[in-house]
Amino acid sequence: MRALQEYLEQRNQIRSLFKSRPLSLDSAQDRQRLADDISCALSPENLTCDGELPRSVIQKKYQMLTRVRQQLERLDPAVAFYE
């Protein structure tokens, strides 16, 4: 669950810039919010930064997000991801 924890910390750092409350894995609502964020990050436009990223960076980013998604699904099978 290390990848999921690192992703959560990264999201919370960004949220703190906007004075938003931190997300927690203890909350079903927050877990769904993370699932929505991951789904959004995996969209082709966001994953590739509109085609600006090199293929190696895209693959690394995809692998990390996929690992985070799998870990979140194991933690909470009820979480819904959109494609």
PDB file of N, CA and C in Angstrom:
ATOM      1  N   MET A   1       0.813  -1.194   0.000  1.00  0.00           N
ATOM      2  CA  MET A   1       0.000   0.000   0.000  1.00  0.00           C
ATOM      3  C   MET A   1       0.859   1.261   0.000  1.00  0.00           C
ATOM      4  N   ARG A   2       2.108   1.074  -0.249  1.00  0.00           N
ATOM      5  CA  ARG A   2       3.010   2.218  -0.232  1.00  0.00           C
ATOM      6  C   ARG A   2       2.674   3.226  -1.335  1.00  0.00           C
ATOM      7  N   ALA A   3       2.382   2.734  -2.516  1.00  0.00           N
ATOM      8  CA  ALA A   3       2.069   3.638  -3.631  1.00  0.00           C
ATOM      9  C   ALA A   3       0.809   4.441  -3.329  1.00  0.00           C
ATOM     10  N   LEU A   4      -0.192   3.789  -2.753  1.00  0.00           N
ATOM     11  CA  LEU A   4      -1.430   4.477  -2.396  1.00  0.00           C
ATOM     12  C   LEU A   4      -1.168   5.540  -1.338  1.00  0.00           C
ATOM     13  N   GLN A   5      -0.373   5.203  -0.342  1.00  0.00           N
ATOM     14  CA  GLN A   5      -0.059   6.166   0.725  1.00  0.00           C
ATOM     15  C   GLN A   5       0.710   7.369   0.155  1.00  0.00           C
ATOM     16  N   GLU A   6       1.653   7.125  -0.731  1.00  0.00           N
ATOM     17  CA  GLU A   6       2.411   8.220  -1.350  1.00  0.00           C
ATOM     18  C   GLU A   6       1.502   9.100  -2.200  1.00  0.00           C
ATOM     19  N   TYR A   7       0.582   8.474  -2.931  1.00  0.00           N
ATOM     20  CA  TYR A   7      -0.360   9.232  -3.757  1.00  0.00           C
ATOM     21  C   TYR A   7      -1.255  10.090  -2.870  1.00  0.00           C
ATOM     22  N   LEU A   8      -1.729   9.519  -1.768  1.00  0.00           N
ATOM     23  CA  LEU A   8      -2.570  10.263  -0.831  1.00  0.00           C
ATOM     24  C   LEU A   8      -1.811  11.466  -0.267  1.00  0.00           C
ATOM     25  N   GLU A   9      -0.570  11.275   0.120  1.00  0.00           N
ATOM     26  CA  GLU A   9       0.240  12.377   0.642  1.00  0.00           C
ATOM     27  C   GLU A   9       0.424  13.467  -0.406  1.00  0.00           C
ATOM     28  N   GLN A  10       0.659  13.065  -1.640  1.00  0.00           N
ATOM     29  CA  GLN A  10       0.818  14.036  -2.733  1.00  0.00           C
ATOM     30  C   GLN A  10      -0.464  14.833  -2.943  1.00  0.00           C
ATOM     31  N   ARG A  11      -1.600  14.134  -2.982  1.00  0.00           N
ATOM     32  CA  ARG A  11      -2.895  14.820  -3.159  1.00  0.00           C
ATOM     33  C   ARG A  11      -3.157  15.778  -1.995  1.00  0.00           C
ATOM     34  N   ASN A  12      -2.830  15.353  -0.770  1.00  0.00           N
ATOM     35  CA  ASN A  12      -3.071  16.209   0.389  1.00  0.00           C
ATOM     36  C   ASN A  12      -2.160  17.429   0.400  1.00  0.00           C
ATOM     37  N   GLN A  13      -0.948  17.299  -0.119  1.00  0.00           N
ATOM     38  CA  GLN A  13      -0.071  18.470  -0.229  1.00  0.00           C
ATOM     39  C   GLN A  13      -0.681  19.496  -1.178  1.00  0.00           C
ATOM     40  N   ILE A  14      -1.200  19.029  -2.287  1.00  0.00           N
ATOM     41  CA  ILE A  14      -1.840  19.928  -3.247  1.00  0.00           C
ATOM     42  C   ILE A  14      -3.091  20.549  -2.630  1.00  0.00           C
ATOM     43  N   ARG A  15      -3.887  19.741  -1.937  1.00  0.00           N
ATOM     44  CA  ARG A  15      -5.103  20.253  -1.300  1.00  0.00           C
ATOM     45  C   ARG A  15      -4.771  21.313  -0.255  1.00  0.00           C
ATOM     46  N   SER A  16      -3.658  21.155   0.439  1.00  0.00           N
ATOM     47  CA  SER A  16      -3.288  22.128   1.476  1.00  0.00           C
ATOM     48  C   SER A  16      -2.979  23.501   0.871  1.00  0.00           C
ATOM     49  N   LEU A  17      -2.512  23.523  -0.361  1.00  0.00           N
ATOM     50  CA  LEU A  17      -2.253  24.798  -1.028  1.00  0.00           C
ATOM     51  C   LEU A  17      -3.537  25.602  -1.209  1.00  0.00           C
ATOM     52  N   PHE A  18      -4.645  24.884  -1.331  1.00  0.00           N
ATOM     53  CA  PHE A  18      -5.947  25.521  -1.535  1.00  0.00           C
ATOM     54  C   PHE A  18      -6.777  25.543  -0.253  1.00  0.00           C
ATOM     55  N   LYS A  19      -6.102  25.227   0.859  1.00  0.00           N
ATOM     56  CA  LYS A  19      -6.741  25.232   2.175  1.00  0.00           C
ATOM     57  C   LYS A  19      -7.934  24.266   2.254  1.00  0.00           C
ATOM     58  N   SER A  20      -7.846  23.164   1.520  1.00  0.00           N
ATOM     59  CA  SER A  20      -8.872  22.123   1.561  1.00  0.00           C
ATOM     60  C   SER A  20      -8.503  21.111   2.641  1.00  0.00           C
ATOM     61  N   ARG A  21      -9.494  20.484   3.210  1.00  0.00           N
ATOM     62  CA  ARG A  21      -9.217  19.495   4.250  1.00  0.00           C
ATOM     63  C   ARG A  21      -8.510  18.285   3.629  1.00  0.00           C
ATOM     64  N   PRO A  22      -7.620  17.646   4.389  1.00  0.00           N
ATOM     65  CA  PRO A  22      -6.920  16.478   3.860  1.00  0.00           C
ATOM     66  C   PRO A  22      -7.862  15.290   3.681  1.00  0.00           C
ATOM     67  N   LEU A  23      -7.544  14.460   2.715  1.00  0.00           N
ATOM     68  CA  LEU A  23      -8.294  13.234   2.478  1.00  0.00           C
ATOM     69  C   LEU A  23      -7.737  12.137   3.384  1.00  0.00           C
ATOM     70  N   SER A  24      -8.580  11.169   3.712  1.00  0.00           N
ATOM     71  CA  SER A  24      -8.184  10.060   4.579  1.00  0.00           C
ATOM     72  C   SER A  24      -8.671   8.744   3.981  1.00  0.00           C
ATOM     73  N   LEU A  25      -7.875   7.710   4.149  1.00  0.00           N
ATOM     74  CA  LEU A  25      -8.274   6.391   3.692  1.00  0.00           C
ATOM     75  C   LEU A  25      -9.324   5.778   4.617  1.00  0.00           C
ATOM     76  N   ASP A  26      -9.556   6.394   5.752  1.00  0.00           N
ATOM     77  CA  ASP A  26     -10.554   5.896   6.697  1.00  0.00           C
ATOM     78  C   ASP A  26     -11.979   6.259   6.287  1.00  0.00           C
ATOM     79  N   SER A  27     -12.118   7.204   5.375  1.00  0.00           N
ATOM     80  CA  SER A  27     -13.433   7.677   4.957  1.00  0.00           C
ATOM     81  C   SER A  27     -13.803   7.103   3.584  1.00  0.00           C
ATOM     82  N   ALA A  28     -14.988   6.488   3.493  1.00  0.00           N
ATOM     83  CA  ALA A  28     -15.458   5.944   2.213  1.00  0.00           C
ATOM     84  C   ALA A  28     -15.603   7.056   1.178  1.00  0.00           C
ATOM     85  N   GLN A  29     -16.067   8.207   1.610  1.00  0.00           N
ATOM     86  CA  GLN A  29     -16.228   9.346   0.697  1.00  0.00           C
ATOM     87  C   GLN A  29     -14.871   9.802   0.156  1.00  0.00           C
ATOM     88  N   ASP A  30     -13.865   9.837   1.014  1.00  0.00           N
ATOM     89  CA  ASP A  30     -12.522  10.231   0.577  1.00  0.00           C
ATOM     90  C   ASP A  30     -11.908   9.182  -0.347  1.00  0.00           C
ATOM     91  N   ARG A  31     -12.153   7.908  -0.062  1.00  0.00           N
ATOM     92  CA  ARG A  31     -11.644   6.854  -0.946  1.00  0.00           C
ATOM     93  C   ARG A  31     -12.268   6.980  -2.328  1.00  0.00           C
ATOM     94  N   GLN A  32     -13.552   7.311  -2.389  1.00  0.00           N
ATOM     95  CA  GLN A  32     -14.196   7.511  -3.690  1.00  0.00           C
ATOM     96  C   GLN A  32     -13.620   8.738  -4.380  1.00  0.00           C
ATOM     97  N   ARG A  33     -13.337   9.777  -3.625  1.00  0.00           N
ATOM     98  CA  ARG A  33     -12.722  10.984  -4.203  1.00  0.00           C
ATOM     99  C   ARG A  33     -11.366  10.650  -4.818  1.00  0.00           C
ATOM    100  N   LEU A  34     -10.588   9.816  -4.116  1.00  0.00           N
ATOM    101  CA  LEU A  34      -9.300   9.382  -4.659  1.00  0.00           C
ATOM    102  C   LEU A  34      -9.500   8.562  -5.934  1.00  0.00           C
ATOM    103  N   ALA A  35     -10.508   7.703  -5.950  1.00  0.00           N
ATOM    104  CA  ALA A  35     -10.795   6.907  -7.148  1.00  0.00           C
ATOM    105  C   ALA A  35     -11.137   7.827  -8.317  1.00  0.00           C
ATOM    106  N   ASP A  36     -11.920   8.864  -8.055  1.00  0.00           N
ATOM    107  CA  ASP A  36     -12.261   9.828  -9.106  1.00  0.00           C
ATOM    108  C   ASP A  36     -11.014  10.554  -9.603  1.00  0.00           C
ATOM    109  N   ASP A  37     -10.127  10.935  -8.674  1.00  0.00           N
ATOM    110  CA  ASP A  37      -8.881  11.613  -9.053  1.00  0.00           C
ATOM    111  C   ASP A  37      -8.002  10.708  -9.918  1.00  0.00           C
ATOM    112  N   ILE A  38      -7.925   9.437  -9.540  1.00  0.00           N
ATOM    113  CA  ILE A  38      -7.111   8.483 -10.293  1.00  0.00           C
ATOM    114  C   ILE A  38      -7.693   8.274 -11.684  1.00  0.00           C
ATOM    115  N   SER A  39      -9.006   8.120 -11.764  1.00  0.00           N
ATOM    116  CA  SER A  39      -9.657   7.959 -13.066  1.00  0.00           C
ATOM    117  C   SER A  39      -9.365   9.156 -13.959  1.00  0.00           C
ATOM    118  N   CYS A  40      -9.445  10.331 -13.400  1.00  0.00           N
ATOM    119  CA  CYS A  40      -9.171  11.554 -14.157  1.00  0.00           C
ATOM    120  C   CYS A  40      -7.711  11.586 -14.614  1.00  0.00           C
ATOM    121  N   ALA A  41      -6.797  11.227 -13.712  1.00  0.00           N
ATOM    122  CA  ALA A  41      -5.370  11.244 -14.047  1.00  0.00           C
ATOM    123  C   ALA A  41      -5.029  10.221 -15.129  1.00  0.00           C
ATOM    124  N   LEU A  42      -5.816   9.143 -15.216  1.00  0.00           N
ATOM    125  CA  LEU A  42      -5.565   8.109 -16.219  1.00  0.00           C
ATOM    126  C   LEU A  42      -6.196   8.414 -17.573  1.00  0.00           C
ATOM    127  N   SER A  43      -6.938   9.506 -17.684  1.00  0.00           N
ATOM    128  CA  SER A  43      -7.499   9.862 -18.992  1.00  0.00           C
ATOM    129  C   SER A  43      -6.342  10.184 -19.939  1.00  0.00           C
ATOM    130  N   PRO A  44      -6.485   9.865 -21.209  1.00  0.00           N
ATOM    131  CA  PRO A  44      -5.381  10.066 -22.154  1.00  0.00           C
ATOM    132  C   PRO A  44      -4.836  11.503 -22.157  1.00  0.00           C
ATOM    133  N   GLU A  45      -5.703  12.483 -22.076  1.00  0.00           N
ATOM    134  CA  GLU A  45      -5.253  13.872 -22.113  1.00  0.00           C
ATOM    135  C   GLU A  45      -4.390  14.220 -20.900  1.00  0.00           C
ATOM    136  N   ASN A  46      -4.835  13.774 -19.724  1.00  0.00           N
ATOM    137  CA  ASN A  46      -4.080  14.075 -18.512  1.00  0.00           C
ATOM    138  C   ASN A  46      -2.843  13.201 -18.386  1.00  0.00           C
ATOM    139  N   LEU A  47      -2.950  11.953 -18.769  1.00  0.00           N
ATOM    140  CA  LEU A  47      -1.821  11.034 -18.661  1.00  0.00           C
ATOM    141  C   LEU A  47      -0.651  11.500 -19.525  1.00  0.00           C
ATOM    142  N   THR A  48      -0.957  11.999 -20.707  1.00  0.00           N
ATOM    143  CA  THR A  48       0.109  12.396 -21.637  1.00  0.00           C
ATOM    144  C   THR A  48       0.403  13.894 -21.617  1.00  0.00           C
ATOM    145  N   CYS A  49      -0.350  14.629 -20.781  1.00  0.00           N
ATOM    146  CA  CYS A  49      -0.245  16.106 -20.776  1.00  0.00           C
ATOM    147  C   CYS A  49      -0.448  16.630 -22.200  1.00  0.00           C
ATOM    148  N   ASP A  50      -1.557  16.180 -22.802  1.00  0.00           N
ATOM    149  CA  ASP A  50      -1.927  16.550 -24.176  1.00  0.00           C
ATOM    150  C   ASP A  50      -0.830  16.233 -25.185  1.00  0.00           C
ATOM    151  N   GLY A  51      -0.155  15.095 -24.967  1.00  0.00           N
ATOM    152  CA  GLY A  51       0.858  14.634 -25.914  1.00  0.00           C
ATOM    153  C   GLY A  51       2.222  15.264 -25.736  1.00  0.00           C
ATOM    154  N   GLU A  52       2.410  16.013 -24.670  1.00  0.00           N
ATOM    155  CA  GLU A  52       3.674  16.713 -24.453  1.00  0.00           C
ATOM    156  C   GLU A  52       4.739  15.879 -23.747  1.00  0.00           C
ATOM    157  N   LEU A  53       4.340  14.828 -23.050  1.00  0.00           N
ATOM    158  CA  LEU A  53       5.302  14.033 -22.288  1.00  0.00           C
ATOM    159  C   LEU A  53       5.957  12.964 -23.149  1.00  0.00           C
ATOM    160  N   PRO A  54       7.222  12.645 -22.868  1.00  0.00           N
ATOM    161  CA  PRO A  54       7.872  11.537 -23.567  1.00  0.00           C
ATOM    162  C   PRO A  54       7.236  10.200 -23.159  1.00  0.00           C
ATOM    163  N   ARG A  55       7.310   9.255 -24.050  1.00  0.00           N
ATOM    164  CA  ARG A  55       6.691   7.945 -23.830  1.00  0.00           C
ATOM    165  C   ARG A  55       7.171   7.294 -22.524  1.00  0.00           C
ATOM    166  N   SER A  56       8.443   7.424 -22.195  1.00  0.00           N
ATOM    167  CA  SER A  56       8.977   6.801 -20.980  1.00  0.00           C
ATOM    168  C   SER A  56       8.328   7.386 -19.731  1.00  0.00           C
ATOM    169  N   VAL A  57       8.069   8.670 -19.720  1.00  0.00           N
ATOM    170  CA  VAL A  57       7.429   9.324 -18.577  1.00  0.00           C
ATOM    171  C   VAL A  57       5.963   8.895 -18.487  1.00  0.00           C
ATOM    172  N   ILE A  58       5.317   8.796 -19.635  1.00  0.00           N
ATOM    173  CA  ILE A  58       3.914   8.363 -19.675  1.00  0.00           C
ATOM    174  C   ILE A  58       3.791   6.946 -19.112  1.00  0.00           C
ATOM    175  N   GLN A  59       4.677   6.054 -19.515  1.00  0.00           N
ATOM    176  CA  GLN A  59       4.627   4.666 -19.043  1.00  0.00           C
ATOM    177  C   GLN A  59       4.841   4.596 -17.529  1.00  0.00           C
ATOM    178  N   LYS A  60       5.786   5.364 -17.034  1.00  0.00           N
ATOM    179  CA  LYS A  60       6.064   5.384 -15.603  1.00  0.00           C
ATOM    180  C   LYS A  60       4.855   5.915 -14.828  1.00  0.00           C
ATOM    181  N   LYS A  61       4.273   6.986 -15.319  1.00  0.00           N
ATOM    182  CA  LYS A  61       3.098   7.588 -14.701  1.00  0.00           C
ATOM    183  C   LYS A  61       1.920   6.603 -14.721  1.00  0.00           C
ATOM    184  N   TYR A  62       1.722   5.937 -15.847  1.00  0.00           N
ATOM    185  CA  TYR A  62       0.640   4.953 -15.979  1.00  0.00           C
ATOM    186  C   TYR A  62       0.822   3.803 -14.995  1.00  0.00           C
ATOM    187  N   GLN A  63       2.032   3.289 -14.901  1.00  0.00           N
ATOM    188  CA  GLN A  63       2.307   2.170 -13.992  1.00  0.00           C
ATOM    189  C   GLN A  63       2.050   2.564 -12.538  1.00  0.00           C
ATOM    190  N   MET A  64       2.461   3.765 -12.157  1.00  0.00           N
ATOM    191  CA  MET A  64       2.258   4.234 -10.794  1.00  0.00           C
ATOM    192  C   MET A  64       0.770   4.381 -10.497  1.00  0.00           C
ATOM    193  N   LEU A  65       0.027   5.020 -11.409  1.00  0.00           N
ATOM    194  CA  LEU A  65      -1.406   5.227 -11.194  1.00  0.00           C
ATOM    195  C   LEU A  65      -2.173   3.900 -11.182  1.00  0.00           C
ATOM    196  N   THR A  66      -1.764   2.963 -12.005  1.00  0.00           N
ATOM    197  CA  THR A  66      -2.397   1.650 -12.034  1.00  0.00           C
ATOM    198  C   THR A  66      -2.152   0.904 -10.725  1.00  0.00           C
ATOM    199  N   ARG A  67      -0.942   1.003 -10.204  1.00  0.00           N
ATOM    200  CA  ARG A  67      -0.616   0.368  -8.918  1.00  0.00           C
ATOM    201  C   ARG A  67      -1.444   0.992  -7.792  1.00  0.00           C
ATOM    202  N   VAL A  68      -1.574   2.319  -7.799  1.00  0.00           N
ATOM    203  CA  VAL A  68      -2.384   3.010  -6.795  1.00  0.00           C
ATOM    204  C   VAL A  68      -3.842   2.563  -6.903  1.00  0.00           C
ATOM    205  N   ARG A  69      -4.320   2.465  -8.125  1.00  0.00           N
ATOM    206  CA  ARG A  69      -5.710   2.023  -8.339  1.00  0.00           C
ATOM    207  C   ARG A  69      -5.928   0.618  -7.779  1.00  0.00           C
ATOM    208  N   GLN A  70      -5.013  -0.291  -8.063  1.00  0.00           N
ATOM    209  CA  GLN A  70      -5.132  -1.668  -7.578  1.00  0.00           C
ATOM    210  C   GLN A  70      -5.123  -1.717  -6.048  1.00  0.00           C
ATOM    211  N   GLN A  71      -4.256  -0.927  -5.443  1.00  0.00           N
ATOM    212  CA  GLN A  71      -4.178  -0.912  -3.987  1.00  0.00           C
ATOM    213  C   GLN A  71      -5.453  -0.333  -3.380  1.00  0.00           C
ATOM    214  N   LEU A  72      -6.011   0.687  -3.992  1.00  0.00           N
ATOM    215  CA  LEU A  72      -7.258   1.266  -3.504  1.00  0.00           C
ATOM    216  C   LEU A  72      -8.407   0.281  -3.678  1.00  0.00           C
ATOM    217  N   GLU A  73      -8.435  -0.444  -4.785  1.00  0.00           N
ATOM    218  CA  GLU A  73      -9.471  -1.460  -5.008  1.00  0.00           C
ATOM    219  C   GLU A  73      -9.384  -2.588  -3.988  1.00  0.00           C
ATOM    220  N   ARG A  74      -8.162  -2.972  -3.601  1.00  0.00           N
ATOM    221  CA  ARG A  74      -7.987  -4.004  -2.582  1.00  0.00           C
ATOM    222  C   ARG A  74      -8.456  -3.505  -1.219  1.00  0.00           C
ATOM    223  N   LEU A  75      -8.194  -2.250  -0.940  1.00  0.00           N
ATOM    224  CA  LEU A  75      -8.600  -1.657   0.338  1.00  0.00           C
ATOM    225  C   LEU A  75     -10.117  -1.526   0.423  1.00  0.00           C
ATOM    226  N   ASP A  76     -10.742  -1.110  -0.687  1.00  0.00           N
ATOM    227  CA  ASP A  76     -12.182  -0.887  -0.705  1.00  0.00           C
ATOM    228  C   ASP A  76     -12.759  -1.346  -2.046  1.00  0.00           C
ATOM    229  N   PRO A  77     -13.220  -2.594  -2.117  1.00  0.00           N
ATOM    230  CA  PRO A  77     -13.765  -3.108  -3.370  1.00  0.00           C
ATOM    231  C   PRO A  77     -15.016  -2.365  -3.848  1.00  0.00           C
ATOM    232  N   ALA A  78     -15.652  -1.617  -2.979  1.00  0.00           N
ATOM    233  CA  ALA A  78     -16.860  -0.872  -3.356  1.00  0.00           C
ATOM    234  C   ALA A  78     -16.560   0.414  -4.113  1.00  0.00           C
ATOM    235  N   VAL A  79     -15.309   0.826  -4.145  1.00  0.00           N
ATOM    236  CA  VAL A  79     -14.929   2.062  -4.842  1.00  0.00           C
ATOM    237  C   VAL A  79     -15.179   1.886  -6.333  1.00  0.00           C
ATOM    238  N   ALA A  80     -15.764   2.903  -6.942  1.00  0.00           N
ATOM    239  CA  ALA A  80     -16.092   2.850  -8.371  1.00  0.00           C
ATOM    240  C   ALA A  80     -15.160   3.749  -9.172  1.00  0.00           C
ATOM    241  N   PHE A  81     -14.527   3.173 -10.180  1.00  0.00           N
ATOM    242  CA  PHE A  81     -13.686   3.927 -11.095  1.00  0.00           C
ATOM    243  C   PHE A  81     -14.451   4.090 -12.398  1.00  0.00           C
ATOM    244  N   TYR A  82     -14.296   5.198 -13.054  1.00  0.00           N
ATOM    245  CA  TYR A  82     -14.904   5.355 -14.363  1.00  0.00           C
ATOM    246  C   TYR A  82     -13.835   5.253 -15.417  1.00  0.00           C
ATOM    247  N   GLU A  83     -14.220   4.849 -16.565  1.00  0.00           N
ATOM    248  CA  GLU A  83     -13.264   4.644 -17.670  1.00  0.00           C
ATOM    249  C   GLU A  83     -13.366   5.755 -18.661  1.00  0.00           C
TER     250      GLU A  83
END
